[in-house]
Amino acid sequence: MSSRPAPDFSHLTIAERLQLVEELWDSIAVDADVEALPLSESERALVDERLDELRENPDAGRLWSDVRADILGKHRG
């Protein structure tokens, strides 16, 4: 990584910064493969546990679009 200072995002609203984080994460997910971002055994166990819970009770969760709208709605500025 370069030694240049991190950009200053303080002029952006929280909603705008959350949008940047989402876009950055999406770009990582597109470019990364399983080998580039391996899971530890404990992380894999947690993912498996949560997938089992989802299969047992598929209505317990919320859609990402709803969660995101709630988060952005609280931080619009």
N, C-alpha and C. Protein backbone atom coordinates (compact mmCIF):
# COMPACT_ATOMS: atom_id res chain seq x y z
N MET A 1 0.84 -1.18 0.00
CA MET A 1 0.00 0.00 0.00
C MET A 1 0.88 1.24 0.00
N SER A 2 0.39 2.30 -0.57
CA SER A 2 1.19 3.53 -0.65
C SER A 2 1.22 4.22 0.71
N SER A 3 2.17 5.14 0.85
CA SER A 3 2.30 5.86 2.12
C SER A 3 1.60 7.21 2.09
N ARG A 4 0.80 7.45 1.09
CA ARG A 4 0.07 8.72 1.03
C ARG A 4 -1.01 8.75 2.11
N PRO A 5 -1.38 9.93 2.57
CA PRO A 5 -2.39 10.03 3.63
C PRO A 5 -3.76 9.57 3.13
N ALA A 6 -4.57 9.07 4.04
CA ALA A 6 -5.92 8.63 3.70
C ALA A 6 -6.75 9.84 3.30
N PRO A 7 -7.68 9.66 2.37
CA PRO A 7 -8.56 10.77 1.98
C PRO A 7 -9.44 11.20 3.15
N ASP A 8 -9.80 12.46 3.15
CA ASP A 8 -10.68 13.01 4.18
C ASP A 8 -12.11 12.99 3.66
N PHE A 9 -12.94 12.18 4.26
CA PHE A 9 -14.33 12.06 3.83
C PHE A 9 -15.28 12.78 4.78
N SER A 10 -14.76 13.59 5.68
CA SER A 10 -15.60 14.23 6.69
C SER A 10 -16.62 15.20 6.10
N HIS A 11 -16.40 15.65 4.88
CA HIS A 11 -17.35 16.57 4.26
C HIS A 11 -18.60 15.84 3.74
N LEU A 12 -18.54 14.52 3.69
CA LEU A 12 -19.68 13.73 3.22
C LEU A 12 -20.61 13.41 4.37
N THR A 13 -21.88 13.25 4.05
CA THR A 13 -22.83 12.81 5.08
C THR A 13 -22.56 11.35 5.41
N ILE A 14 -23.10 10.89 6.50
CA ILE A 14 -22.95 9.48 6.85
C ILE A 14 -23.55 8.60 5.77
N ALA A 15 -24.69 8.98 5.23
CA ALA A 15 -25.32 8.21 4.17
C ALA A 15 -24.40 8.11 2.95
N GLU A 16 -23.75 9.20 2.61
CA GLU A 16 -22.83 9.19 1.47
C GLU A 16 -21.61 8.31 1.74
N ARG A 17 -21.12 8.37 2.97
CA ARG A 17 -19.98 7.51 3.33
C ARG A 17 -20.37 6.04 3.34
N LEU A 18 -21.58 5.73 3.83
CA LEU A 18 -22.05 4.35 3.78
C LEU A 18 -22.16 3.87 2.33
N GLN A 19 -22.61 4.73 1.45
CA GLN A 19 -22.69 4.37 0.04
C GLN A 19 -21.30 4.06 -0.52
N LEU A 20 -20.32 4.86 -0.16
CA LEU A 20 -18.94 4.59 -0.60
C LEU A 20 -18.43 3.25 -0.09
N VAL A 21 -18.71 2.96 1.18
CA VAL A 21 -18.29 1.68 1.75
C VAL A 21 -18.94 0.53 0.99
N GLU A 22 -20.22 0.66 0.70
CA GLU A 22 -20.93 -0.38 -0.04
C GLU A 22 -20.31 -0.59 -1.42
N GLU A 23 -20.02 0.51 -2.10
CA GLU A 23 -19.43 0.41 -3.44
C GLU A 23 -18.03 -0.20 -3.38
N LEU A 24 -17.25 0.18 -2.37
CA LEU A 24 -15.91 -0.39 -2.21
C LEU A 24 -16.00 -1.89 -1.94
N TRP A 25 -16.89 -2.28 -1.02
CA TRP A 25 -17.05 -3.69 -0.70
C TRP A 25 -17.50 -4.48 -1.93
N ASP A 26 -18.44 -3.94 -2.69
CA ASP A 26 -18.89 -4.62 -3.91
C ASP A 26 -17.75 -4.81 -4.89
N SER A 27 -16.87 -3.82 -5.01
CA SER A 27 -15.74 -3.94 -5.94
C SER A 27 -14.77 -5.01 -5.46
N ILE A 28 -14.59 -5.15 -4.16
CA ILE A 28 -13.74 -6.21 -3.62
C ILE A 28 -14.36 -7.57 -3.90
N ALA A 29 -15.66 -7.69 -3.65
CA ALA A 29 -16.34 -8.96 -3.85
C ALA A 29 -16.28 -9.42 -5.30
N VAL A 30 -16.35 -8.49 -6.24
CA VAL A 30 -16.29 -8.84 -7.65
C VAL A 30 -14.91 -9.36 -8.02
N ASP A 31 -13.87 -8.74 -7.48
CA ASP A 31 -12.50 -9.08 -7.86
C ASP A 31 -11.90 -10.23 -7.06
N ALA A 32 -12.42 -10.49 -5.88
CA ALA A 32 -11.83 -11.48 -4.99
C ALA A 32 -12.33 -12.88 -5.33
N ASP A 33 -11.51 -13.85 -5.01
CA ASP A 33 -11.94 -15.23 -5.11
C ASP A 33 -11.78 -15.88 -3.74
N VAL A 34 -12.23 -17.09 -3.63
CA VAL A 34 -12.22 -17.77 -2.34
C VAL A 34 -10.82 -17.86 -1.76
N GLU A 35 -9.83 -18.08 -2.60
CA GLU A 35 -8.46 -18.20 -2.11
C GLU A 35 -7.92 -16.86 -1.61
N ALA A 36 -8.38 -15.75 -2.19
CA ALA A 36 -7.88 -14.44 -1.80
C ALA A 36 -8.40 -14.01 -0.43
N LEU A 37 -9.58 -14.48 -0.08
CA LEU A 37 -10.20 -14.12 1.20
C LEU A 37 -10.64 -15.38 1.94
N PRO A 38 -9.68 -16.18 2.38
CA PRO A 38 -10.05 -17.45 3.03
C PRO A 38 -10.69 -17.21 4.40
N LEU A 39 -11.55 -18.14 4.79
CA LEU A 39 -12.18 -18.10 6.10
C LEU A 39 -11.39 -18.99 7.06
N SER A 40 -11.31 -18.55 8.30
CA SER A 40 -10.73 -19.41 9.33
C SER A 40 -11.75 -20.51 9.64
N GLU A 41 -11.33 -21.51 10.37
CA GLU A 41 -12.26 -22.58 10.74
C GLU A 41 -13.41 -22.04 11.58
N SER A 42 -13.12 -21.11 12.50
CA SER A 42 -14.18 -20.55 13.34
C SER A 42 -15.15 -19.69 12.52
N GLU A 43 -14.63 -18.96 11.54
CA GLU A 43 -15.50 -18.17 10.66
C GLU A 43 -16.38 -19.08 9.81
N ARG A 44 -15.78 -20.15 9.28
CA ARG A 44 -16.54 -21.10 8.47
C ARG A 44 -17.65 -21.76 9.30
N ALA A 45 -17.33 -22.11 10.56
CA ALA A 45 -18.31 -22.72 11.45
C ALA A 45 -19.47 -21.75 11.72
N LEU A 46 -19.14 -20.47 11.92
CA LEU A 46 -20.18 -19.47 12.16
C LEU A 46 -21.08 -19.30 10.93
N VAL A 47 -20.48 -19.25 9.76
CA VAL A 47 -21.27 -19.14 8.53
C VAL A 47 -22.18 -20.35 8.39
N ASP A 48 -21.65 -21.54 8.60
CA ASP A 48 -22.45 -22.76 8.50
C ASP A 48 -23.60 -22.75 9.50
N GLU A 49 -23.31 -22.30 10.73
CA GLU A 49 -24.34 -22.22 11.76
C GLU A 49 -25.46 -21.26 11.35
N ARG A 50 -25.08 -20.12 10.82
CA ARG A 50 -26.09 -19.13 10.42
C ARG A 50 -26.88 -19.60 9.21
N LEU A 51 -26.24 -20.31 8.30
CA LEU A 51 -26.97 -20.87 7.16
C LEU A 51 -27.97 -21.92 7.63
N ASP A 52 -27.58 -22.75 8.60
CA ASP A 52 -28.50 -23.74 9.16
C ASP A 52 -29.70 -23.05 9.80
N GLU A 53 -29.44 -21.98 10.56
CA GLU A 53 -30.53 -21.22 11.19
C GLU A 53 -31.47 -20.64 10.14
N LEU A 54 -30.91 -20.13 9.06
CA LEU A 54 -31.72 -19.56 7.99
C LEU A 54 -32.60 -20.63 7.34
N ARG A 55 -32.02 -21.80 7.12
CA ARG A 55 -32.80 -22.91 6.52
C ARG A 55 -33.94 -23.33 7.44
N GLU A 56 -33.69 -23.34 8.75
CA GLU A 56 -34.70 -23.74 9.72
C GLU A 56 -35.80 -22.71 9.88
N ASN A 57 -35.46 -21.43 9.71
CA ASN A 57 -36.43 -20.36 9.90
C ASN A 57 -36.19 -19.25 8.89
N PRO A 58 -36.57 -19.48 7.64
CA PRO A 58 -36.26 -18.51 6.57
C PRO A 58 -36.93 -17.15 6.73
N ASP A 59 -37.98 -17.06 7.53
CA ASP A 59 -38.68 -15.79 7.69
C ASP A 59 -38.12 -14.93 8.83
N ALA A 60 -37.09 -15.42 9.51
CA ALA A 60 -36.55 -14.70 10.67
C ALA A 60 -35.72 -13.49 10.28
N GLY A 61 -35.16 -13.47 9.09
CA GLY A 61 -34.29 -12.38 8.69
C GLY A 61 -35.04 -11.25 7.99
N ARG A 62 -34.25 -10.28 7.56
CA ARG A 62 -34.80 -9.15 6.81
C ARG A 62 -34.02 -8.99 5.52
N LEU A 63 -34.66 -8.46 4.51
CA LEU A 63 -33.99 -8.20 3.24
C LEU A 63 -32.96 -7.10 3.42
N TRP A 64 -31.81 -7.25 2.73
CA TRP A 64 -30.77 -6.23 2.79
C TRP A 64 -31.32 -4.87 2.37
N SER A 65 -32.16 -4.85 1.37
CA SER A 65 -32.70 -3.57 0.90
C SER A 65 -33.48 -2.86 2.02
N ASP A 66 -34.19 -3.61 2.85
CA ASP A 66 -34.93 -3.01 3.98
C ASP A 66 -33.98 -2.51 5.06
N VAL A 67 -32.98 -3.32 5.38
CA VAL A 67 -31.99 -2.92 6.40
C VAL A 67 -31.26 -1.67 5.94
N ARG A 68 -30.82 -1.68 4.69
CA ARG A 68 -30.08 -0.54 4.14
C ARG A 68 -30.94 0.73 4.17
N ALA A 69 -32.20 0.60 3.77
CA ALA A 69 -33.10 1.76 3.79
C ALA A 69 -33.26 2.31 5.21
N ASP A 70 -33.36 1.42 6.19
CA ASP A 70 -33.47 1.86 7.59
C ASP A 70 -32.20 2.62 8.01
N ILE A 71 -31.05 2.07 7.68
CA ILE A 71 -29.78 2.71 8.05
C ILE A 71 -29.65 4.07 7.39
N LEU A 72 -29.88 4.12 6.10
CA LEU A 72 -29.73 5.39 5.39
C LEU A 72 -30.78 6.39 5.82
N GLY A 73 -31.98 5.93 6.13
CA GLY A 73 -33.03 6.83 6.58
C GLY A 73 -32.70 7.50 7.89
N LYS A 74 -31.98 6.81 8.77
CA LYS A 74 -31.60 7.37 10.06
C LYS A 74 -30.46 8.36 9.94
N HIS A 75 -29.72 8.30 8.84
CA HIS A 75 -28.52 9.13 8.71
C HIS A 75 -28.58 10.09 7.53
N ARG A 76 -29.74 10.33 7.03
CA ARG A 76 -29.85 11.31 5.94
C ARG A 76 -29.53 12.68 6.50
N GLY A 77 -28.77 13.40 5.76
CA GLY A 77 -28.41 14.69 6.32
C GLY A 77 -28.10 15.65 5.32
